[in-house]
């Protein structure tokens, strides 16, 4: 279960390096200023853990911190 730490924060949708799986990384509200500067096509790194997985959609929902553009 994801804590209230992520309530009000933005999420970033992307693909892993090999392109076979999608990820949705939830980030805390304190990182909204950083996230709003990301653009489609940016390469982004974050510290994150998987909180759920959808095998049908092949998407991992992750709780993350320290998102940054590479």
PDB file of N, CA and C in Angstrom:
ATOM      1  N   UNK A   1       0.838  -1.180   0.000  1.00  0.00           N
ATOM      2  CA  UNK A   1       0.000   0.000   0.000  1.00  0.00           C
ATOM      3  C   UNK A   1       0.884   1.245   0.000  1.00  0.00           C
ATOM      4  N   UNK A   2       0.532   2.198  -0.791  1.00  0.00           N
ATOM      5  CA  UNK A   2       1.294   3.435  -0.883  1.00  0.00           C
ATOM      6  C   UNK A   2       0.831   4.383   0.216  1.00  0.00           C
ATOM      7  N   UNK A   3       1.773   5.047   0.847  1.00  0.00           N
ATOM      8  CA  UNK A   3       1.443   5.946   1.953  1.00  0.00           C
ATOM      9  C   UNK A   3       0.977   7.309   1.454  1.00  0.00           C
ATOM     10  N   UNK A   4       0.496   8.119   2.386  1.00  0.00           N
ATOM     11  CA  UNK A   4       0.069   9.484   2.070  1.00  0.00           C
ATOM     12  C   UNK A   4       1.239  10.350   1.618  1.00  0.00           C
ATOM     13  N   UNK A   5       2.449   9.855   1.774  1.00  0.00           N
ATOM     14  CA  UNK A   5       3.648  10.586   1.351  1.00  0.00           C
ATOM     15  C   UNK A   5       3.557  10.993  -0.124  1.00  0.00           C
ATOM     16  N   UNK A   6       2.847  10.215  -0.926  1.00  0.00           N
ATOM     17  CA  UNK A   6       2.751  10.473  -2.366  1.00  0.00           C
ATOM     18  C   UNK A   6       1.482  11.233  -2.761  1.00  0.00           C
ATOM     19  N   UNK A   7       0.587  11.476  -1.801  1.00  0.00           N
ATOM     20  CA  UNK A   7      -0.661  12.194  -2.092  1.00  0.00           C
ATOM     21  C   UNK A   7      -0.344  13.618  -2.554  1.00  0.00           C
ATOM     22  N   UNK A   8      -0.922  14.015  -3.679  1.00  0.00           N
ATOM     23  CA  UNK A   8      -0.684  15.353  -4.226  1.00  0.00           C
ATOM     24  C   UNK A   8       0.542  15.438  -5.118  1.00  0.00           C
ATOM     25  N   UNK A   9       1.294  14.344  -5.199  1.00  0.00           N
ATOM     26  CA  UNK A   9       2.479  14.327  -6.050  1.00  0.00           C
ATOM     27  C   UNK A   9       2.146  13.879  -7.462  1.00  0.00           C
ATOM     28  N   UNK A  10       3.037  14.183  -8.387  1.00  0.00           N
ATOM     29  CA  UNK A  10       2.861  13.775  -9.781  1.00  0.00           C
ATOM     30  C   UNK A  10       3.426  12.371 -10.000  1.00  0.00           C
ATOM     31  N   UNK A  11       3.046  11.772 -11.106  1.00  0.00           N
ATOM     32  CA  UNK A  11       3.583  10.477 -11.520  1.00  0.00           C
ATOM     33  C   UNK A  11       4.193  10.616 -12.905  1.00  0.00           C
ATOM     34  N   UNK A  12       5.181   9.783 -13.178  1.00  0.00           N
ATOM     35  CA  UNK A  12       5.850   9.774 -14.477  1.00  0.00           C
ATOM     36  C   UNK A  12       5.616   8.406 -15.107  1.00  0.00           C
ATOM     37  N   UNK A  13       5.122   8.395 -16.341  1.00  0.00           N
ATOM     38  CA  UNK A  13       4.898   7.155 -17.080  1.00  0.00           C
ATOM     39  C   UNK A  13       6.021   6.994 -18.088  1.00  0.00           C
ATOM     40  N   UNK A  14       6.613   5.815 -18.132  1.00  0.00           N
ATOM     41  CA  UNK A  14       7.707   5.607 -19.070  1.00  0.00           C
ATOM     42  C   UNK A  14       7.896   4.144 -19.398  1.00  0.00           C
ATOM     43  N   UNK A  15       8.973   3.859 -20.104  1.00  0.00           N
ATOM     44  CA  UNK A  15       9.332   2.489 -20.460  1.00  0.00           C
ATOM     45  C   UNK A  15      10.723   2.196 -19.926  1.00  0.00           C
ATOM     46  N   UNK A  16      10.964   0.926 -19.623  1.00  0.00           N
ATOM     47  CA  UNK A  16      12.293   0.522 -19.180  1.00  0.00           C
ATOM     48  C   UNK A  16      13.240   0.515 -20.366  1.00  0.00           C
ATOM     49  N   UNK A  17      14.517   0.399 -20.086  1.00  0.00           N
ATOM     50  CA  UNK A  17      15.550   0.492 -21.120  1.00  0.00           C
ATOM     51  C   UNK A  17      15.283  -0.355 -22.350  1.00  0.00           C
ATOM     52  N   UNK A  18      14.826  -1.595 -22.161  1.00  0.00           N
ATOM     53  CA  UNK A  18      14.638  -2.479 -23.317  1.00  0.00           C
ATOM     54  C   UNK A  18      13.293  -2.265 -24.009  1.00  0.00           C
ATOM     55  N   UNK A  19      12.421  -1.463 -23.429  1.00  0.00           N
ATOM     56  CA  UNK A  19      11.150  -1.124 -24.056  1.00  0.00           C
ATOM     57  C   UNK A  19      10.047  -2.153 -23.910  1.00  0.00           C
ATOM     58  N   UNK A  20      10.305  -3.262 -23.216  1.00  0.00           N
ATOM     59  CA  UNK A  20       9.294  -4.317 -23.129  1.00  0.00           C
ATOM     60  C   UNK A  20       8.275  -4.099 -22.011  1.00  0.00           C
ATOM     61  N   UNK A  21       8.609  -3.281 -21.037  1.00  0.00           N
ATOM     62  CA  UNK A  21       7.709  -3.045 -19.906  1.00  0.00           C
ATOM     63  C   UNK A  21       7.553  -1.557 -19.633  1.00  0.00           C
ATOM     64  N   UNK A  22       6.354  -1.193 -19.194  1.00  0.00           N
ATOM     65  CA  UNK A  22       6.082   0.191 -18.825  1.00  0.00           C
ATOM     66  C   UNK A  22       6.203   0.339 -17.318  1.00  0.00           C
ATOM     67  N   UNK A  23       6.495   1.555 -16.876  1.00  0.00           N
ATOM     68  CA  UNK A  23       6.544   1.861 -15.451  1.00  0.00           C
ATOM     69  C   UNK A  23       5.770   3.147 -15.189  1.00  0.00           C
ATOM     70  N   UNK A  24       5.117   3.182 -14.056  1.00  0.00           N
ATOM     71  CA  UNK A  24       4.467   4.385 -13.571  1.00  0.00           C
ATOM     72  C   UNK A  24       5.110   4.674 -12.228  1.00  0.00           C
ATOM     73  N   UNK A  25       5.881   5.738 -12.151  1.00  0.00           N
ATOM     74  CA  UNK A  25       6.590   6.074 -10.923  1.00  0.00           C
ATOM     75  C   UNK A  25       5.861   7.224 -10.237  1.00  0.00           C
ATOM     76  N   UNK A  26       5.308   6.939  -9.063  1.00  0.00           N
ATOM     77  CA  UNK A  26       4.669   7.975  -8.254  1.00  0.00           C
ATOM     78  C   UNK A  26       5.753   8.700  -7.476  1.00  0.00           C
ATOM     79  N   UNK A  27       5.653  10.014  -7.426  1.00  0.00           N
ATOM     80  CA  UNK A  27       6.650  10.811  -6.719  1.00  0.00           C
ATOM     81  C   UNK A  27       5.960  11.703  -5.696  1.00  0.00           C
ATOM     82  N   UNK A  28       6.661  12.049  -4.607  1.00  0.00           N
ATOM     83  CA  UNK A  28       6.044  12.876  -3.579  1.00  0.00           C
ATOM     84  C   UNK A  28       5.792  14.306  -4.056  1.00  0.00           C
ATOM     85  N   UNK A  29       4.859  14.972  -3.395  1.00  0.00           N
ATOM     86  CA  UNK A  29       4.500  16.347  -3.733  1.00  0.00           C
ATOM     87  C   UNK A  29       5.718  17.269  -3.703  1.00  0.00           C
ATOM     88  N   UNK A  30       6.668  16.981  -2.838  1.00  0.00           N
ATOM     89  CA  UNK A  30       7.865  17.819  -2.718  1.00  0.00           C
ATOM     90  C   UNK A  30       8.703  17.836  -3.992  1.00  0.00           C
ATOM     91  N   UNK A  31       8.462  16.903  -4.917  1.00  0.00           N
ATOM     92  CA  UNK A  31       9.216  16.844  -6.172  1.00  0.00           C
ATOM     93  C   UNK A  31       8.426  17.364  -7.370  1.00  0.00           C
ATOM     94  N   UNK A  32       7.237  17.933  -7.141  1.00  0.00           N
ATOM     95  CA  UNK A  32       6.406  18.419  -8.243  1.00  0.00           C
ATOM     96  C   UNK A  32       7.130  19.442  -9.114  1.00  0.00           C
ATOM     97  N   UNK A  33       7.908  20.341  -8.514  1.00  0.00           N
ATOM     98  CA  UNK A  33       8.625  21.352  -9.301  1.00  0.00           C
ATOM     99  C   UNK A  33       9.611  20.711 -10.274  1.00  0.00           C
ATOM    100  N   UNK A  34      10.251  19.634  -9.860  1.00  0.00           N
ATOM    101  CA  UNK A  34      11.199  18.925 -10.725  1.00  0.00           C
ATOM    102  C   UNK A  34      10.446  18.199 -11.839  1.00  0.00           C
ATOM    103  N   UNK A  35       9.386  17.491 -11.467  1.00  0.00           N
ATOM    104  CA  UNK A  35       8.636  16.671 -12.424  1.00  0.00           C
ATOM    105  C   UNK A  35       8.000  17.519 -13.518  1.00  0.00           C
ATOM    106  N   UNK A  36       7.502  18.691 -13.186  1.00  0.00           N
ATOM    107  CA  UNK A  36       6.836  19.529 -14.189  1.00  0.00           C
ATOM    108  C   UNK A  36       7.801  20.047 -15.252  1.00  0.00           C
ATOM    109  N   UNK A  37       9.090  19.916 -15.021  1.00  0.00           N
ATOM    110  CA  UNK A  37      10.091  20.333 -16.014  1.00  0.00           C
ATOM    111  C   UNK A  37      10.457  19.202 -16.976  1.00  0.00           C
ATOM    112  N   UNK A  38       9.971  17.979 -16.716  1.00  0.00           N
ATOM    113  CA  UNK A  38      10.227  16.864 -17.621  1.00  0.00           C
ATOM    114  C   UNK A  38       9.391  17.037 -18.881  1.00  0.00           C
ATOM    115  N   UNK A  39       9.920  16.553 -20.004  1.00  0.00           N
ATOM    116  CA  UNK A  39       9.204  16.590 -21.280  1.00  0.00           C
ATOM    117  C   UNK A  39       9.152  15.189 -21.874  1.00  0.00           C
ATOM    118  N   UNK A  40       8.199  14.969 -22.761  1.00  0.00           N
ATOM    119  CA  UNK A  40       8.098  13.691 -23.459  1.00  0.00           C
ATOM    120  C   UNK A  40       9.422  13.410 -24.158  1.00  0.00           C
ATOM    121  N   UNK A  41       9.928  12.204 -23.990  1.00  0.00           N
ATOM    122  CA  UNK A  41      11.186  11.810 -24.610  1.00  0.00           C
ATOM    123  C   UNK A  41      12.395  11.950 -23.704  1.00  0.00           C
ATOM    124  N   UNK A  42      12.244  12.628 -22.562  1.00  0.00           N
ATOM    125  CA  UNK A  42      13.358  12.757 -21.624  1.00  0.00           C
ATOM    126  C   UNK A  42      13.707  11.401 -21.026  1.00  0.00           C
ATOM    127  N   UNK A  43      14.974  11.205 -20.726  1.00  0.00           N
ATOM    128  CA  UNK A  43      15.413  10.050 -19.961  1.00  0.00           C
ATOM    129  C   UNK A  43      15.467  10.484 -18.507  1.00  0.00           C
ATOM    130  N   UNK A  44      14.778   9.730 -17.662  1.00  0.00           N
ATOM    131  CA  UNK A  44      14.650  10.093 -16.253  1.00  0.00           C
ATOM    132  C   UNK A  44      15.104   8.925 -15.390  1.00  0.00           C
ATOM    133  N   UNK A  45      15.800   9.228 -14.310  1.00  0.00           N
ATOM    134  CA  UNK A  45      16.184   8.224 -13.322  1.00  0.00           C
ATOM    135  C   UNK A  45      15.535   8.594 -12.002  1.00  0.00           C
ATOM    136  N   UNK A  46      15.239   7.583 -11.185  1.00  0.00           N
ATOM    137  CA  UNK A  46      14.689   7.801  -9.851  1.00  0.00           C
ATOM    138  C   UNK A  46      15.003   6.581  -8.994  1.00  0.00           C
ATOM    139  N   UNK A  47      15.017   6.772  -7.708  1.00  0.00           N
ATOM    140  CA  UNK A  47      15.103   5.653  -6.780  1.00  0.00           C
ATOM    141  C   UNK A  47      13.673   5.194  -6.551  1.00  0.00           C
ATOM    142  N   UNK A  48      13.376   3.915  -6.793  1.00  0.00           N
ATOM    143  CA  UNK A  48      11.991   3.459  -6.704  1.00  0.00           C
ATOM    144  C   UNK A  48      11.908   1.981  -6.359  1.00  0.00           C
ATOM    145  N   UNK A  49      10.764   1.622  -5.786  1.00  0.00           N
ATOM    146  CA  UNK A  49      10.465   0.220  -5.509  1.00  0.00           C
ATOM    147  C   UNK A  49       9.110  -0.113  -6.133  1.00  0.00           C
ATOM    148  N   UNK A  50       8.959  -1.350  -6.570  1.00  0.00           N
ATOM    149  CA  UNK A  50       7.696  -1.789  -7.162  1.00  0.00           C
ATOM    150  C   UNK A  50       6.676  -2.002  -6.049  1.00  0.00           C
ATOM    151  N   UNK A  51       5.484  -1.401  -6.222  1.00  0.00           N
ATOM    152  CA  UNK A  51       4.399  -1.607  -5.262  1.00  0.00           C
ATOM    153  C   UNK A  51       3.296  -2.485  -5.844  1.00  0.00           C
ATOM    154  N   UNK A  52       3.222  -2.574  -7.166  1.00  0.00           N
ATOM    155  CA  UNK A  52       2.280  -3.501  -7.802  1.00  0.00           C
ATOM    156  C   UNK A  52       2.712  -3.750  -9.242  1.00  0.00           C
ATOM    157  N   UNK A  53       2.194  -4.855  -9.790  1.00  0.00           N
ATOM    158  CA  UNK A  53       2.549  -5.256 -11.149  1.00  0.00           C
ATOM    159  C   UNK A  53       1.298  -5.742 -11.863  1.00  0.00           C
ATOM    160  N   UNK A  54       1.085  -5.295 -13.092  1.00  0.00           N
ATOM    161  CA  UNK A  54      -0.014  -5.782 -13.928  1.00  0.00           C
ATOM    162  C   UNK A  54       0.594  -6.600 -15.059  1.00  0.00           C
ATOM    163  N   UNK A  55       0.432  -7.912 -14.992  1.00  0.00           N
ATOM    164  CA  UNK A  55       1.013  -8.757 -16.033  1.00  0.00           C
ATOM    165  C   UNK A  55       0.289  -8.580 -17.362  1.00  0.00           C
ATOM    166  N   UNK A  56      -1.006  -8.295 -17.327  1.00  0.00           N
ATOM    167  CA  UNK A  56      -1.759  -8.085 -18.563  1.00  0.00           C
ATOM    168  C   UNK A  56      -1.317  -6.831 -19.304  1.00  0.00           C
ATOM    169  N   UNK A  57      -1.116  -5.751 -18.562  1.00  0.00           N
ATOM    170  CA  UNK A  57      -0.686  -4.483 -19.165  1.00  0.00           C
ATOM    171  C   UNK A  57       0.832  -4.352 -19.235  1.00  0.00           C
ATOM    172  N   UNK A  58       1.527  -5.260 -18.552  1.00  0.00           N
ATOM    173  CA  UNK A  58       2.989  -5.207 -18.447  1.00  0.00           C
ATOM    174  C   UNK A  58       3.439  -3.833 -17.955  1.00  0.00           C
ATOM    175  N   UNK A  59       2.872  -3.420 -16.815  1.00  0.00           N
ATOM    176  CA  UNK A  59       3.230  -2.134 -16.228  1.00  0.00           C
ATOM    177  C   UNK A  59       3.480  -2.307 -14.731  1.00  0.00           C
ATOM    178  N   UNK A  60       4.579  -1.745 -14.273  1.00  0.00           N
ATOM    179  CA  UNK A  60       4.920  -1.764 -12.859  1.00  0.00           C
ATOM    180  C   UNK A  60       4.579  -0.407 -12.257  1.00  0.00           C
ATOM    181  N   UNK A  61       3.819  -0.425 -11.176  1.00  0.00           N
ATOM    182  CA  UNK A  61       3.541   0.802 -10.431  1.00  0.00           C
ATOM    183  C   UNK A  61       4.597   0.887  -9.344  1.00  0.00           C
ATOM    184  N   UNK A  62       5.292   2.024  -9.291  1.00  0.00           N
ATOM    185  CA  UNK A  62       6.414   2.165  -8.376  1.00  0.00           C
ATOM    186  C   UNK A  62       6.266   3.404  -7.508  1.00  0.00           C
ATOM    187  N   UNK A  63       6.810   3.330  -6.298  1.00  0.00           N
ATOM    188  CA  UNK A  63       6.892   4.473  -5.398  1.00  0.00           C
ATOM    189  C   UNK A  63       8.333   4.965  -5.472  1.00  0.00           C
ATOM    190  N   UNK A  64       8.517   6.223  -5.849  1.00  0.00           N
ATOM    191  CA  UNK A  64       9.865   6.713  -6.085  1.00  0.00           C
ATOM    192  C   UNK A  64      10.202   8.006  -5.367  1.00  0.00           C
ATOM    193  N   UNK A  65      11.486   8.326  -5.392  1.00  0.00           N
ATOM    194  CA  UNK A  65      12.021   9.583  -4.865  1.00  0.00           C
ATOM    195  C   UNK A  65      13.216   9.985  -5.718  1.00  0.00           C
ATOM    196  N   UNK A  66      13.659  11.200  -5.538  1.00  0.00           N
ATOM    197  CA  UNK A  66      14.881  11.703  -6.178  1.00  0.00           C
ATOM    198  C   UNK A  66      14.872  11.564  -7.699  1.00  0.00           C
ATOM    199  N   UNK A  67      13.765  11.925  -8.331  1.00  0.00           N
ATOM    200  CA  UNK A  67      13.688  11.878  -9.798  1.00  0.00           C
ATOM    201  C   UNK A  67      14.589  12.951 -10.393  1.00  0.00           C
ATOM    202  N   UNK A  68      15.255  12.598 -11.472  1.00  0.00           N
ATOM    203  CA  UNK A  68      16.164  13.547 -12.131  1.00  0.00           C
ATOM    204  C   UNK A  68      16.263  13.215 -13.610  1.00  0.00           C
ATOM    205  N   UNK A  69      16.425  14.260 -14.411  1.00  0.00           N
ATOM    206  CA  UNK A  69      16.618  14.084 -15.849  1.00  0.00           C
ATOM    207  C   UNK A  69      18.079  13.750 -16.091  1.00  0.00           C
ATOM    208  N   UNK A  70      18.326  12.791 -16.987  1.00  0.00           N
ATOM    209  CA  UNK A  70      19.702  12.360 -17.286  1.00  0.00           C
ATOM    210  C   UNK A  70      20.173  13.036 -18.547  1.00  0.00           C
TER     211      UNK A  70
END
